[in-house]
Amino acid sequence: MNAPLLPAAPFIRAAHGTRRPPVIPRWEASLLLAALCGCATGWRGPSSDHFDGERFHSLDPGPRDRGLGDFLKWQLERDPGPWAPPRDVPPGPPPPYRVALGQMRVTLIGHATTLIQLDGVNVLTDPIYSERASPLSFLGPRRVRPPAIRFEDLPPIHAVVVSHNHYDHLDVPTLRRIAKTWPQVRIFVGLGNKAFLEAQGLEHVEELDWWQSREVRGVTVTSVPSQHFSNRGLFDGARTLWTAWVLGGRYAGRAYFGGDTAFGSHFEKTGAALGPFRLAVLPVGAYKPEWFMSPVHMGPTQAVEAASLLRAKSAVPMHHGTFQLADDGETEAIDVLRRHPGVFQVLGFGDGLTVPP
């Protein structure tokens, strides 16, 4: 899939049917221009099996690009499933302050935002507390439900892992709020994202290549391959690395966070290298129409297979029911998963799971 297409799609969808375009304040017009032009200068470094010296690519070969014609075909033939209007929903209960050594817990907050707790360490994944997944406050995908755990009810956050730089996964206002609340929090990103975040005033940002690791309070954070793409504008496609994450506790074992990914050989490779996993948190939504989305997003049946390849004992779905990004209905992925669960346990928003050993 050509990287410039998807960020423009939310704006196209939001503007569809509007009789008169909104007046854009000067500062938001500047922000929009920056978004369209691209916000990251990209990574410079030696070539590798997933970097050609200028741009990154996924490991699996094959026809993965979707061009402008494919995008327009999708837009003209769209048949989206049902979504309820945005609504207020009571938050879930505050998660534990921490879990003991040897314990692991996951809480579903919304979209790809989860709280993974292991061996006394609290990690947020792809945190987004903003109303829209967009550089603008009035345009772009709007969440249909608030974050299921209030920000004020989060326990102290020791680390944040960000899978890639799309607006629904790398949300600068939320990262700033986290850093202001917990100034020593460490933010882990793929290669090329550090300079952008530091330009936004964020500190303690660490960028990792696939298979590189760092340690946070005795928990190992490892970047591992995923099958996706990156960009925040029209001209910065594949200039920063997308990644999944493995959290390894000395006593609790390992948890896998898939970020945003298609199905691919990386699951078997990661399972062989670092499995088995006590927990896998895997994306299941934004997968229809499959002819268009399959190069970058997997659906629920593929997630079941991915969990098996990872050798996960337990799995939890995410990336569903929060932002309408594709044509699957609000509960469609979860409805399918409930019919073919495998090792998956479907959590309600705000629910937590103490992961069995």
Protein backbone atom coordinates (compact mmCIF):
# COMPACT_ATOMS: atom_id res chain seq x y z
CA MET A 1 0.00 0.00 0.00
CA ASN A 2 1.47 3.33 -0.99
CA ALA A 3 2.06 5.21 2.24
CA PRO A 4 0.61 8.62 1.24
CA LEU A 5 -2.90 7.25 0.77
CA LEU A 6 -4.19 6.29 4.19
CA PRO A 7 -3.55 9.52 6.12
CA ALA A 8 -5.49 11.43 3.47
CA ALA A 9 -8.40 9.00 3.59
CA PRO A 10 -9.79 10.13 6.98
CA PHE A 11 -9.89 13.73 5.78
CA ILE A 12 -11.66 12.66 2.58
CA ARG A 13 -14.21 10.65 4.56
CA ALA A 14 -14.79 13.39 7.12
CA ALA A 15 -15.33 16.02 4.44
CA HIS A 16 -17.66 13.87 2.34
CA GLY A 17 -21.11 15.41 2.18
CA THR A 18 -20.10 18.71 3.80
CA ARG A 19 -21.76 21.55 1.93
CA ARG A 20 -19.26 24.19 3.00
CA PRO A 21 -15.73 23.41 4.21
CA PRO A 22 -14.87 24.53 7.73
CA VAL A 23 -12.83 27.65 8.31
CA ILE A 24 -9.36 26.48 9.35
CA PRO A 25 -7.57 28.69 11.91
CA ARG A 26 -4.11 29.78 10.87
CA TRP A 27 -2.29 27.58 13.39
CA GLU A 28 -4.27 24.51 12.38
CA ALA A 29 -3.72 25.29 8.71
CA SER A 30 0.02 25.32 9.42
CA LEU A 31 -0.30 22.01 11.24
CA LEU A 32 -2.23 20.49 8.37
CA LEU A 33 0.38 21.69 5.88
CA ALA A 34 3.13 20.16 8.02
CA ALA A 35 1.18 16.90 8.18
CA LEU A 36 0.66 16.73 4.44
CA CYS A 37 4.29 17.53 3.70
CA GLY A 38 5.61 14.99 6.18
CA CYS A 39 6.77 15.47 9.74
CA ALA A 40 9.84 13.26 9.90
CA THR A 41 13.15 13.59 8.12
CA GLY A 42 13.67 9.86 8.38
CA TRP A 43 16.44 7.52 9.40
CA ARG A 44 19.96 7.62 8.01
CA GLY A 45 22.10 4.56 8.51
CA PRO A 46 23.55 1.42 6.96
CA SER A 47 21.45 -0.81 4.74
CA SER A 48 19.94 -4.01 6.14
CA ASP A 49 17.45 -6.71 5.18
CA HIS A 50 14.65 -4.19 5.86
CA PHE A 51 16.32 -0.84 5.03
CA ASP A 52 17.75 0.17 1.64
CA GLY A 53 19.62 3.25 2.88
CA GLU A 54 16.61 5.57 2.50
CA ARG A 55 13.40 3.66 3.16
CA PHE A 56 12.26 0.71 5.23
CA HIS A 57 10.35 -2.31 3.97
CA SER A 58 8.80 -5.40 5.49
CA LEU A 59 10.42 -8.83 5.25
CA ASP A 60 7.89 -10.72 3.16
CA PRO A 61 8.27 -10.39 -0.62
CA GLY A 62 5.31 -10.05 -2.94
CA PRO A 63 2.83 -7.52 -4.36
CA ARG A 64 2.06 -5.45 -1.29
CA ASP A 65 1.53 -1.98 -2.77
CA ARG A 66 -1.92 -0.55 -3.32
CA GLY A 67 -1.87 2.35 -5.75
CA LEU A 68 -4.10 5.35 -6.27
CA GLY A 69 -6.43 3.37 -8.54
CA ASP A 70 -6.97 0.76 -5.81
CA PHE A 71 -7.64 3.48 -3.26
CA LEU A 72 -10.21 5.20 -5.47
CA LYS A 73 -11.86 1.85 -6.22
CA TRP A 74 -12.21 1.23 -2.48
CA GLN A 75 -13.65 4.70 -1.88
CA LEU A 76 -16.17 4.38 -4.71
CA GLU A 77 -17.27 0.86 -3.73
CA ARG A 78 -17.27 1.22 0.04
CA ASP A 79 -19.77 -0.85 1.97
CA PRO A 80 -19.00 -0.12 5.62
CA GLY A 81 -20.51 -2.16 8.42
CA PRO A 82 -22.54 -0.51 11.19
CA TRP A 83 -20.99 1.71 13.85
CA ALA A 84 -22.88 3.38 16.66
CA PRO A 85 -22.50 7.18 17.00
CA PRO A 86 -19.89 8.54 19.42
CA ARG A 87 -21.14 8.19 22.99
CA ASP A 88 -20.07 8.54 26.58
CA VAL A 89 -19.36 5.28 28.35
CA PRO A 90 -18.49 4.99 32.06
CA PRO A 91 -14.80 4.21 32.62
CA GLY A 92 -13.54 0.95 33.95
CA PRO A 93 -12.08 0.57 37.44
CA PRO A 94 -8.54 1.80 38.12
CA PRO A 95 -5.95 -0.89 37.37
CA PRO A 96 -3.66 -2.09 40.16
CA TYR A 97 -0.84 0.22 41.16
CA ARG A 98 1.55 -2.59 40.22
CA VAL A 99 1.62 -6.38 40.01
CA ALA A 100 3.96 -8.60 41.99
CA LEU A 101 7.03 -10.36 40.69
CA GLY A 102 5.96 -13.27 38.54
CA GLN A 103 2.56 -11.76 37.75
CA MET A 104 1.33 -10.36 34.42
CA ARG A 105 -1.80 -8.33 33.72
CA VAL A 106 -3.25 -6.59 30.66
CA THR A 107 -5.98 -3.92 30.57
CA LEU A 108 -7.78 -2.87 27.37
CA ILE A 109 -8.05 0.94 27.25
CA GLY A 110 -9.10 1.42 23.63
CA HIS A 111 -7.87 0.95 20.06
CA ALA A 112 -4.23 -0.24 20.41
CA THR A 113 -3.82 1.37 23.83
CA THR A 114 -3.35 -1.25 26.52
CA LEU A 115 -1.66 -1.33 29.89
CA ILE A 116 0.66 -4.30 30.31
CA GLN A 117 1.92 -4.88 33.84
CA LEU A 118 4.60 -7.43 34.67
CA ASP A 119 7.15 -7.86 37.46
CA GLY A 120 6.19 -4.51 39.02
CA VAL A 121 6.68 -2.55 35.75
CA ASN A 122 3.84 -0.66 34.01
CA VAL A 123 3.98 -0.27 30.22
CA LEU A 124 1.53 1.63 27.98
CA THR A 125 1.22 0.56 24.35
CA ASP A 126 0.45 3.02 21.52
CA PRO A 127 -1.28 5.45 23.90
CA ILE A 128 -3.93 7.74 22.43
CA TYR A 129 -6.25 9.75 24.68
CA SER A 130 -7.09 12.36 22.04
CA GLU A 131 -10.60 12.74 20.63
CA ARG A 132 -9.42 12.29 17.03
CA ALA A 133 -6.67 10.31 15.35
CA SER A 134 -5.57 13.31 13.32
CA PRO A 135 -3.28 16.35 13.32
CA LEU A 136 -6.43 18.52 13.49
CA SER A 137 -9.02 18.89 16.24
CA PHE A 138 -12.05 19.03 13.93
CA LEU A 139 -11.23 16.62 11.09
CA GLY A 140 -10.27 13.00 10.88
CA PRO A 141 -11.46 9.79 12.58
CA ARG A 142 -13.25 10.53 15.85
CA ARG A 143 -13.35 7.99 18.62
CA VAL A 144 -16.77 6.46 19.28
CA ARG A 145 -16.00 5.82 22.94
CA PRO A 146 -13.73 7.56 25.45
CA PRO A 147 -10.61 5.81 26.75
CA ALA A 148 -11.90 3.05 29.00
CA ILE A 149 -9.47 3.92 31.81
CA ARG A 150 -9.34 7.56 32.84
CA PHE A 151 -5.88 9.05 32.50
CA GLU A 152 -6.08 10.09 36.17
CA ASP A 153 -6.62 6.43 37.13
CA LEU A 154 -3.51 5.09 35.41
CA PRO A 155 -0.79 3.76 37.70
CA PRO A 156 2.73 5.22 37.41
CA ILE A 157 3.93 4.55 33.88
CA HIS A 158 7.54 3.39 33.57
CA ALA A 159 7.69 2.86 29.80
CA VAL A 160 5.74 3.50 26.61
CA VAL A 161 6.13 1.47 23.43
CA VAL A 162 5.01 2.97 20.10
CA SER A 163 4.63 0.66 17.11
CA HIS A 164 4.79 3.27 14.31
CA ASN A 165 4.07 6.89 13.52
CA HIS A 166 0.46 6.86 12.25
CA TYR A 167 -1.79 9.28 14.11
CA ASP A 168 -3.89 6.54 15.73
CA HIS A 169 -0.74 5.01 17.27
CA LEU A 170 1.69 7.88 17.81
CA ASP A 171 -0.37 10.63 19.47
CA VAL A 172 1.86 13.54 20.44
CA PRO A 173 -0.59 15.26 22.86
CA THR A 174 -0.96 12.02 24.84
CA LEU A 175 2.80 11.42 24.93
CA ARG A 176 3.33 14.96 26.19
CA ARG A 177 0.75 14.43 28.92
CA ILE A 178 2.42 11.18 29.94
CA ALA A 179 5.86 12.82 30.05
CA LYS A 180 4.52 15.74 32.09
CA THR A 181 2.89 13.39 34.59
CA TRP A 182 5.83 10.95 34.82
CA PRO A 183 8.95 12.93 33.76
CA GLN A 184 11.26 9.90 33.85
CA VAL A 185 9.09 7.73 31.61
CA ARG A 186 11.02 6.07 28.78
CA ILE A 187 9.49 6.11 25.30
CA PHE A 188 10.53 3.36 22.89
CA VAL A 189 10.08 3.80 19.13
CA GLY A 190 11.36 2.35 15.88
CA LEU A 191 14.30 3.86 14.03
CA GLY A 192 13.80 7.38 12.72
CA ASN A 193 11.11 8.48 15.18
CA LYS A 194 13.34 9.88 17.92
CA ALA A 195 14.22 13.15 16.17
CA PHE A 196 10.55 13.91 15.50
CA LEU A 197 9.52 13.30 19.11
CA GLU A 198 12.43 15.29 20.50
CA ALA A 199 11.36 18.18 18.25
CA GLN A 200 7.99 17.97 20.03
CA GLY A 201 9.71 18.52 23.37
CA LEU A 202 9.77 14.90 24.51
CA GLU A 203 12.73 13.46 26.40
CA HIS A 204 13.98 9.96 27.22
CA VAL A 205 13.11 8.72 23.73
CA GLU A 206 14.97 5.59 22.64
CA GLU A 207 14.80 4.24 19.08
CA LEU A 208 15.47 0.59 18.34
CA ASP A 209 15.98 -1.50 15.24
CA TRP A 210 14.38 -4.91 14.96
CA TRP A 211 15.90 -7.39 17.44
CA GLN A 212 17.52 -4.67 19.54
CA SER A 213 16.70 -4.55 23.27
CA ARG A 214 16.79 -2.25 26.27
CA GLU A 215 16.04 -2.87 29.93
CA VAL A 216 13.54 -1.03 32.14
CA ARG A 217 13.59 -1.92 35.84
CA GLY A 218 14.51 -5.51 35.07
CA VAL A 219 12.05 -5.91 32.16
CA THR A 220 13.59 -6.31 28.70
CA VAL A 221 11.99 -4.31 25.87
CA THR A 222 12.73 -5.77 22.42
CA SER A 223 11.75 -4.46 18.98
CA VAL A 224 10.67 -7.24 16.60
CA PRO A 225 9.46 -7.26 12.96
CA SER A 226 5.94 -6.41 11.83
CA GLN A 227 4.27 -6.11 8.41
CA HIS A 228 3.04 -2.54 8.00
CA PHE A 229 4.21 0.90 6.77
CA SER A 230 4.84 4.39 8.13
CA ASN A 231 4.14 8.04 7.33
CA ARG A 232 2.57 11.13 8.84
CA GLY A 233 2.26 13.04 5.58
CA LEU A 234 2.28 12.66 1.83
CA PHE A 235 6.03 12.60 1.27
CA ASP A 236 7.61 10.72 4.18
CA GLY A 237 6.47 7.19 3.44
CA ALA A 238 8.61 4.37 4.88
CA ARG A 239 11.18 6.80 6.27
CA THR A 240 10.73 5.51 9.83
CA LEU A 241 10.55 1.94 11.11
CA TRP A 242 7.37 0.15 12.18
CA THR A 243 7.74 -2.51 14.83
CA ALA A 244 6.10 -4.91 17.24
CA TRP A 245 7.35 -5.20 20.83
CA VAL A 246 8.26 -7.97 23.22
CA LEU A 247 8.30 -7.33 26.97
CA GLY A 248 10.34 -9.88 28.87
CA GLY A 249 10.03 -10.19 32.62
CA ARG A 250 12.63 -12.05 34.60
CA TYR A 251 9.90 -13.81 36.59
CA ALA A 252 6.66 -13.12 34.69
CA GLY A 253 7.77 -14.35 31.27
CA ARG A 254 7.19 -12.64 27.94
CA ALA A 255 4.37 -10.57 26.47
CA TYR A 256 4.05 -9.72 22.78
CA PHE A 257 2.42 -6.51 21.54
CA GLY A 258 1.73 -6.59 17.80
CA GLY A 259 1.04 -2.91 17.18
CA ASP A 260 -0.45 -2.62 13.69
CA THR A 261 0.39 -5.40 11.29
CA ALA A 262 -0.69 -7.65 8.48
CA PHE A 263 -0.28 -11.40 8.72
CA GLY A 264 3.18 -12.54 7.69
CA SER A 265 6.21 -14.71 8.33
CA HIS A 266 7.35 -12.42 11.14
CA PHE A 267 5.04 -14.20 13.58
CA GLU A 268 6.73 -17.55 13.05
CA LYS A 269 10.19 -15.92 13.18
CA THR A 270 9.40 -14.13 16.45
CA GLY A 271 7.80 -17.20 17.96
CA ALA A 272 10.87 -19.27 17.12
CA ALA A 273 13.31 -16.66 18.42
CA LEU A 274 11.58 -15.45 21.59
CA GLY A 275 8.57 -17.68 22.24
CA PRO A 276 6.68 -19.17 23.83
CA PHE A 277 4.75 -16.16 25.06
CA ARG A 278 2.63 -15.96 28.15
CA LEU A 279 0.54 -13.27 26.42
CA ALA A 280 0.06 -11.94 22.88
CA VAL A 281 -1.85 -8.68 22.31
CA LEU A 282 -2.82 -8.70 18.65
CA PRO A 283 -4.70 -6.35 16.26
CA VAL A 284 -7.92 -7.65 14.72
CA GLY A 285 -9.73 -4.60 13.27
CA ALA A 286 -9.65 -2.29 10.22
CA TYR A 287 -9.31 -5.35 7.98
CA LYS A 288 -12.08 -4.87 5.39
CA PRO A 289 -12.22 -4.86 2.44
CA GLU A 290 -9.62 -7.56 2.70
CA TRP A 291 -8.47 -7.19 -0.93
CA PHE A 292 -7.30 -3.67 -0.03
CA MET A 293 -6.37 -3.92 3.66
CA SER A 294 -4.64 -7.31 3.83
CA PRO A 295 -1.14 -5.98 2.99
CA VAL A 296 -1.16 -3.88 6.20
CA HIS A 297 -3.95 -5.14 8.51
CA MET A 298 -4.93 -8.63 9.54
CA GLY A 299 -8.36 -9.82 10.59
CA PRO A 300 -9.52 -11.98 13.49
CA THR A 301 -9.05 -15.41 11.88
CA GLN A 302 -5.49 -14.50 10.92
CA ALA A 303 -4.89 -13.26 14.47
CA VAL A 304 -5.82 -16.72 15.76
CA GLU A 305 -3.20 -18.24 13.46
CA ALA A 306 -0.66 -15.58 14.48
CA ALA A 307 -1.15 -16.44 18.14
CA SER A 308 -0.46 -20.08 17.33
CA LEU A 309 2.73 -19.23 15.43
CA LEU A 310 3.90 -17.06 18.31
CA ARG A 311 3.25 -20.01 20.64
CA ALA A 312 1.13 -17.77 22.87
CA LYS A 313 -0.61 -19.36 25.84
CA SER A 314 -3.11 -16.50 26.09
CA ALA A 315 -4.08 -13.77 23.64
CA VAL A 316 -6.11 -10.55 23.80
CA PRO A 317 -7.48 -8.63 20.78
CA MET A 318 -7.11 -4.89 20.24
CA HIS A 319 -7.32 -2.33 17.39
CA HIS A 320 -11.11 -2.55 17.19
CA GLY A 321 -14.26 -0.72 18.25
CA THR A 322 -12.75 2.72 18.82
CA PHE A 323 -11.95 4.49 15.52
CA GLN A 324 -13.77 3.69 12.28
CA LEU A 325 -10.81 3.29 9.93
CA ALA A 326 -12.04 0.72 7.41
CA ASP A 327 -15.22 -1.10 6.34
CA ASP A 328 -15.61 -3.73 9.07
CA GLY A 329 -18.39 -2.95 11.54
CA GLU A 330 -17.76 -1.83 15.10
CA THR A 331 -18.09 -5.31 16.62
CA GLU A 332 -17.49 -7.42 13.50
CA ALA A 333 -13.94 -8.56 14.30
CA ILE A 334 -14.87 -9.46 17.87
CA ASP A 335 -18.00 -11.33 16.73
CA VAL A 336 -15.84 -13.45 14.42
CA LEU A 337 -13.25 -14.01 17.13
CA ARG A 338 -15.87 -15.22 19.59
CA ARG A 339 -16.83 -17.93 17.08
CA HIS A 340 -13.19 -18.96 16.55
CA PRO A 341 -11.43 -17.98 19.78
CA GLY A 342 -8.45 -20.30 20.00
CA VAL A 343 -6.40 -18.96 22.91
CA PHE A 344 -8.06 -15.53 22.72
CA GLN A 345 -9.92 -13.95 25.59
CA VAL A 346 -12.07 -11.02 24.47
CA LEU A 347 -11.90 -8.21 27.01
CA GLY A 348 -14.50 -5.52 27.39
CA PHE A 349 -13.17 -1.98 27.23
CA GLY A 350 -11.75 -1.17 30.64
CA ASP A 351 -11.49 -4.82 31.65
CA GLY A 352 -8.28 -6.35 32.87
CA LEU A 353 -6.98 -9.89 32.67
CA THR A 354 -4.57 -11.49 35.11
CA VAL A 355 -2.71 -13.65 32.64
CA PRO A 356 -2.41 -17.33 33.64
CA PRO A 357 1.16 -18.67 33.91
